[in-house]
Structure formats: C-alpha cells, structure tokens
C-alpha cells in the first residue's frame, strides 16, 4: 500500500516538475493576488486584515490548483488506466493528497515571505504562523483532493468545484485565520491549542470519510 501511494505521488510530482504548468499557474496567481491586496488595503488596517487576506490567497489558488491532480488525468486520458491499475482507490487518493501537500509546501515557502514583504508585516511568532498555515492547508488539500472527483465529468466543473468545496472547508478557513492572527500577535502554541485540536480533528474525520467513500466517488 505505501509503495503504491509513493509511486502515484512521485509520478505526479515528476510530471509537474517537468512541465511546471500547475505550479507556475498557482505561483503567478498568488503573486498577482498578493500585489493587488497590498495596493488596495489601507496601511493602518493591514496588520488586522493580513491573516484573512493571506488565507484568501491560498484559498483562491487552492480552489483552482488542487483539483488539477485529477483533472489532469482526465485531460491526458489516463484516469481509466489509473482506475484499472492494481491499486486501491485509497492508494490513489492518498497519493494525490501527498502530491498536493508538496505543492502547498512549495507555495508557502515562496508566497508567505513575499506576502510579509509586500505588507511589511510584523510576525510575532513566524514558526507558529507557518505551522498554522500548513495545518489549515492540509485540511484544504484533503477536502479538495476527495471532492474534486465529484465534478470530473461535469461540463462546468470549474464553477461547481468551489460551490461544493467552500461549505465543507469553511471551518478550516475560520479556524486557520483565528490561529494565524494569534501567531502574528506573538502567541505561543498553547494559545492556539483549541484551533489546532479543531483543525487536526477535521483533517482526521475528513480523511476517514474520504477513504470510505472515495471508491464510489471515483466511479463514473
């Protein structure tokens, strides 16, 4: 099982690093969105609104980028081959989740420093801020990786995907923004304990539900 998961994730990562289509798109969109926010938000309110704006950047980029893990299989005509391969649906889902998590880590390593520089932010606890963002994005990845299969065959899948995902990931959005605000204010891990408990519980629950239902979602 672990071998199959690793092979699926490595296959997608090799293809992505060869073409860089999804990663370049996500980075470009994130940079443009960050720059637009930086020139439109009044300076005196930047510190208070930055957590929500930063998460909005990841939200917009993720809604369009994370679902590409399965959409690319449809575009290349390899989805049926993947479904008929001697791997379980759980292996496919976890491989795609790992692939998207790697993209998230790359995005965070580039976008967060750029965002901080553009807004001239004062981050009281930078490691904790990164940890909160990564945990929130992990929940986002689990939801988007599993729900994106529901709209693979839809004609307006680019419009349907956000409508389906947003109600599910709303707890992640609000909790991550709350934890990020505390981290920016200099809070420590114990200050965001409740936020972490909620995020980790959400990830575990959604991952279990996704693993139990993904086989049916993957069917035509």
Protein backbone atom coordinates (compact mmCIF):
# COMPACT_ATOMS: atom_id res chain seq x y z
CA UNK A 1 0.00 0.00 0.00
CA UNK A 2 2.69 2.51 0.97
CA UNK A 3 4.63 1.65 -2.19
CA UNK A 4 1.61 2.34 -4.37
CA UNK A 5 0.92 5.64 -2.62
CA UNK A 6 4.54 6.73 -3.07
CA UNK A 7 4.57 5.71 -6.74
CA UNK A 8 1.40 7.70 -7.52
CA UNK A 9 2.72 10.78 -5.70
CA UNK A 10 6.14 10.55 -7.38
CA UNK A 11 4.53 10.07 -10.81
CA UNK A 12 2.51 13.26 -10.40
CA UNK A 13 5.45 15.21 -8.97
CA UNK A 14 7.74 14.16 -11.82
CA UNK A 15 5.15 15.23 -14.37
CA UNK A 16 4.59 18.52 -12.57
CA UNK A 17 8.28 19.37 -12.21
CA UNK A 18 8.77 18.51 -15.88
CA UNK A 19 6.01 20.82 -17.14
CA UNK A 20 5.52 23.11 -14.10
CA UNK A 21 2.10 24.01 -15.51
CA UNK A 22 0.11 23.83 -12.28
CA UNK A 23 2.86 25.18 -10.03
CA UNK A 24 3.63 28.15 -12.28
CA UNK A 25 -0.06 28.97 -12.55
CA UNK A 26 -0.55 28.81 -8.79
CA UNK A 27 2.51 30.94 -8.06
CA UNK A 28 1.64 33.55 -10.67
CA UNK A 29 -1.94 33.84 -9.47
CA UNK A 30 -0.83 34.04 -5.83
CA UNK A 31 1.70 36.78 -6.58
CA UNK A 32 -0.80 38.83 -8.58
CA UNK A 33 -3.45 38.47 -5.87
CA UNK A 34 -0.97 39.44 -3.13
CA UNK A 35 0.15 42.52 -5.04
CA UNK A 36 -3.46 43.60 -5.64
CA UNK A 37 -4.23 43.24 -1.94
CA UNK A 38 -1.08 45.18 -0.98
CA UNK A 39 -2.06 48.25 -3.00
CA UNK A 40 -5.77 48.20 -2.15
CA UNK A 41 -5.73 47.73 1.64
CA UNK A 42 -5.15 50.87 3.77
CA UNK A 43 -1.84 50.78 5.63
CA UNK A 44 -3.40 51.33 9.05
CA UNK A 45 -5.59 48.23 8.74
CA UNK A 46 -3.03 45.88 7.19
CA UNK A 47 -1.94 44.17 10.41
CA UNK A 48 -5.51 43.26 11.34
CA UNK A 49 -6.66 42.11 7.91
CA UNK A 50 -3.47 40.33 6.80
CA UNK A 51 -4.40 36.88 8.23
CA UNK A 52 -7.65 36.82 6.27
CA UNK A 53 -6.03 38.17 3.11
CA UNK A 54 -3.20 35.64 3.23
CA UNK A 55 -5.63 32.80 3.64
CA UNK A 56 -7.71 34.19 0.77
CA UNK A 57 -4.64 33.91 -1.45
CA UNK A 58 -4.23 30.22 -0.57
CA UNK A 59 -7.99 29.69 -0.89
CA UNK A 60 -8.23 31.13 -4.41
CA UNK A 61 -5.10 29.34 -5.57
CA UNK A 62 -6.08 26.04 -3.97
CA UNK A 63 -9.59 26.01 -5.42
CA UNK A 64 -8.12 26.16 -8.91
CA UNK A 65 -4.87 24.27 -8.37
CA UNK A 66 -5.51 21.30 -6.07
CA UNK A 67 -8.23 19.79 -8.25
CA UNK A 68 -5.74 19.63 -11.13
CA UNK A 69 -4.38 16.40 -9.64
CA UNK A 70 -7.43 14.56 -11.03
CA UNK A 71 -8.40 16.91 -13.85
CA UNK A 72 -5.04 16.28 -15.49
CA UNK A 73 -5.77 12.54 -15.51
CA UNK A 74 -8.99 13.27 -17.41
CA UNK A 75 -7.30 15.64 -19.86
CA UNK A 76 -4.50 13.15 -20.59
CA UNK A 77 -6.93 10.24 -20.83
CA UNK A 78 -5.15 8.31 -18.09
CA UNK A 79 -7.91 8.23 -15.47
CA UNK A 80 -9.38 4.94 -16.70
CA UNK A 81 -5.91 3.39 -16.71
CA UNK A 82 -5.35 4.59 -13.16
CA UNK A 83 -8.68 3.13 -12.06
CA UNK A 84 -7.89 -0.22 -13.68
CA UNK A 85 -4.36 -0.39 -12.23
CA UNK A 86 -3.73 -2.88 -9.40
CA UNK A 87 -4.02 -0.20 -6.74
CA UNK A 88 -6.85 0.55 -4.35
CA UNK A 89 -8.89 3.78 -4.51
CA UNK A 90 -7.42 4.67 -1.11
CA UNK A 91 -3.91 4.47 -2.57
CA UNK A 92 -4.92 6.81 -5.39
CA UNK A 93 -6.46 9.34 -3.01
CA UNK A 94 -3.52 9.35 -0.59
CA UNK A 95 -1.05 9.64 -3.46
CA UNK A 96 -2.90 12.70 -4.77
CA UNK A 97 -3.08 14.18 -1.26
CA UNK A 98 0.69 13.85 -0.84
CA UNK A 99 1.24 15.42 -4.26
CA UNK A 100 -0.93 18.42 -3.35
CA UNK A 101 0.76 18.74 0.05
CA UNK A 102 4.14 19.05 -1.65
CA UNK A 103 2.74 21.81 -3.86
CA UNK A 104 1.39 23.55 -0.76
CA UNK A 105 4.76 23.48 0.99
CA UNK A 106 6.45 24.94 -2.09
CA UNK A 107 3.79 27.63 -2.31
CA UNK A 108 4.13 28.54 1.35
CA UNK A 109 7.93 28.75 1.14
CA UNK A 110 7.61 31.32 -1.67
CA UNK A 111 4.37 33.20 -1.05
CA UNK A 112 4.49 33.76 2.71
CA UNK A 113 7.84 35.66 2.66
CA UNK A 114 6.68 37.67 -0.37
CA UNK A 115 3.39 38.47 1.37
CA UNK A 116 5.18 39.57 4.53
CA UNK A 117 7.49 41.79 2.49
CA UNK A 118 4.70 43.36 0.44
CA UNK A 119 2.66 44.22 3.52
CA UNK A 120 5.65 44.95 5.79
CA UNK A 121 4.06 42.71 8.41
CA UNK A 122 5.27 42.18 11.95
CA UNK A 123 5.02 38.46 12.72
CA UNK A 124 5.33 37.78 16.43
CA UNK A 125 5.83 34.02 16.06
CA UNK A 126 6.82 33.09 12.48
CA UNK A 127 7.30 29.31 13.02
CA UNK A 128 3.87 29.07 14.63
CA UNK A 129 2.34 31.08 11.77
CA UNK A 130 3.83 28.65 9.24
CA UNK A 131 2.57 25.72 11.30
CA UNK A 132 -0.97 27.12 11.41
CA UNK A 133 -1.00 27.83 7.66
CA UNK A 134 0.37 24.37 6.85
CA UNK A 135 -2.19 22.63 9.07
CA UNK A 136 -5.03 24.62 7.55
CA UNK A 137 -3.81 23.90 4.04
CA UNK A 138 -3.54 20.20 4.89
CA UNK A 139 -7.25 20.19 5.70
CA UNK A 140 -7.93 22.09 2.49
CA UNK A 141 -5.92 19.54 0.49
CA UNK A 142 -7.79 16.56 1.94
CA UNK A 143 -11.17 18.11 1.10
CA UNK A 144 -10.25 19.33 -2.38
CA UNK A 145 -8.48 16.09 -3.35
CA UNK A 146 -11.51 13.99 -2.49
CA UNK A 147 -14.36 16.27 -3.61
CA UNK A 148 -12.77 17.19 -6.95
CA UNK A 149 -13.65 13.73 -8.27
CA UNK A 150 -17.36 14.56 -7.95
CA UNK A 151 -17.16 17.14 -10.75
CA UNK A 152 -14.67 15.46 -13.09
CA UNK A 153 -17.29 14.69 -15.73
CA UNK A 154 -19.27 17.92 -15.31
CA UNK A 155 -19.13 20.48 -18.11
CA UNK A 156 -18.88 23.42 -15.70
CA UNK A 157 -16.56 21.71 -13.24
CA UNK A 158 -14.51 24.89 -12.70
CA UNK A 159 -17.67 26.56 -11.35
CA UNK A 160 -19.06 23.56 -9.49
CA UNK A 161 -15.87 22.70 -7.58
CA UNK A 162 -15.77 25.91 -5.47
CA UNK A 163 -19.51 25.66 -4.76
CA UNK A 164 -19.10 22.12 -3.44
CA UNK A 165 -15.87 22.69 -1.51
CA UNK A 166 -16.46 26.04 0.16
CA UNK A 167 -19.20 24.95 2.64
CA UNK A 168 -17.07 21.97 3.68
CA UNK A 169 -13.83 23.89 4.21
CA UNK A 170 -15.43 26.87 5.97
CA UNK A 171 -14.43 25.54 9.43
CA UNK A 172 -10.83 25.33 8.19
CA UNK A 173 -10.95 28.90 6.90
CA UNK A 174 -12.27 30.46 10.09
CA UNK A 175 -10.08 28.39 12.41
CA UNK A 176 -6.90 28.99 10.42
CA UNK A 177 -7.47 32.75 10.31
CA UNK A 178 -8.05 32.80 14.07
CA UNK A 179 -4.88 30.81 14.77
CA UNK A 180 -2.84 32.88 12.32
CA UNK A 181 -3.97 36.11 13.97
CA UNK A 182 -2.78 34.82 17.34
CA UNK A 183 0.57 33.72 15.89
CA UNK A 184 1.09 37.13 14.30
CA UNK A 185 0.39 38.74 17.66
CA UNK A 186 3.21 36.76 19.27
CA UNK A 187 1.16 33.91 20.68
CA UNK A 188 2.64 30.53 21.55
CA UNK A 189 1.47 27.00 20.77
CA UNK A 190 -0.75 26.81 23.86
CA UNK A 191 -2.60 29.94 22.74
CA UNK A 192 -3.76 28.20 19.56
CA UNK A 193 -4.34 24.81 21.19
CA UNK A 194 -8.09 24.84 20.52
CA UNK A 195 -7.54 25.84 16.90
CA UNK A 196 -5.08 23.00 16.38
CA UNK A 197 -7.37 20.47 18.01
CA UNK A 198 -10.20 21.56 15.71
CA UNK A 199 -8.03 21.51 12.58
CA UNK A 200 -6.45 18.13 13.32
CA UNK A 201 -9.85 16.64 14.21
CA UNK A 202 -11.28 17.99 10.97
CA UNK A 203 -8.41 16.50 8.94
CA UNK A 204 -8.78 13.08 10.59
CA UNK A 205 -12.56 12.99 10.17
CA UNK A 206 -12.50 14.17 6.57
CA UNK A 207 -9.69 11.76 5.69
CA UNK A 208 -11.61 8.82 7.13
CA UNK A 209 -14.82 9.83 5.32
CA UNK A 210 -12.90 10.37 2.09
CA UNK A 211 -11.19 6.98 2.29
CA UNK A 212 -14.52 5.26 2.94
CA UNK A 213 -16.38 6.98 0.10
CA UNK A 214 -13.70 7.65 -2.49
CA UNK A 215 -14.24 4.36 -4.31
CA UNK A 216 -17.84 5.37 -5.09
CA UNK A 217 -16.87 8.95 -5.99
CA UNK A 218 -14.30 7.66 -8.47
CA UNK A 219 -16.86 5.62 -10.36
CA UNK A 220 -18.48 7.13 -13.47
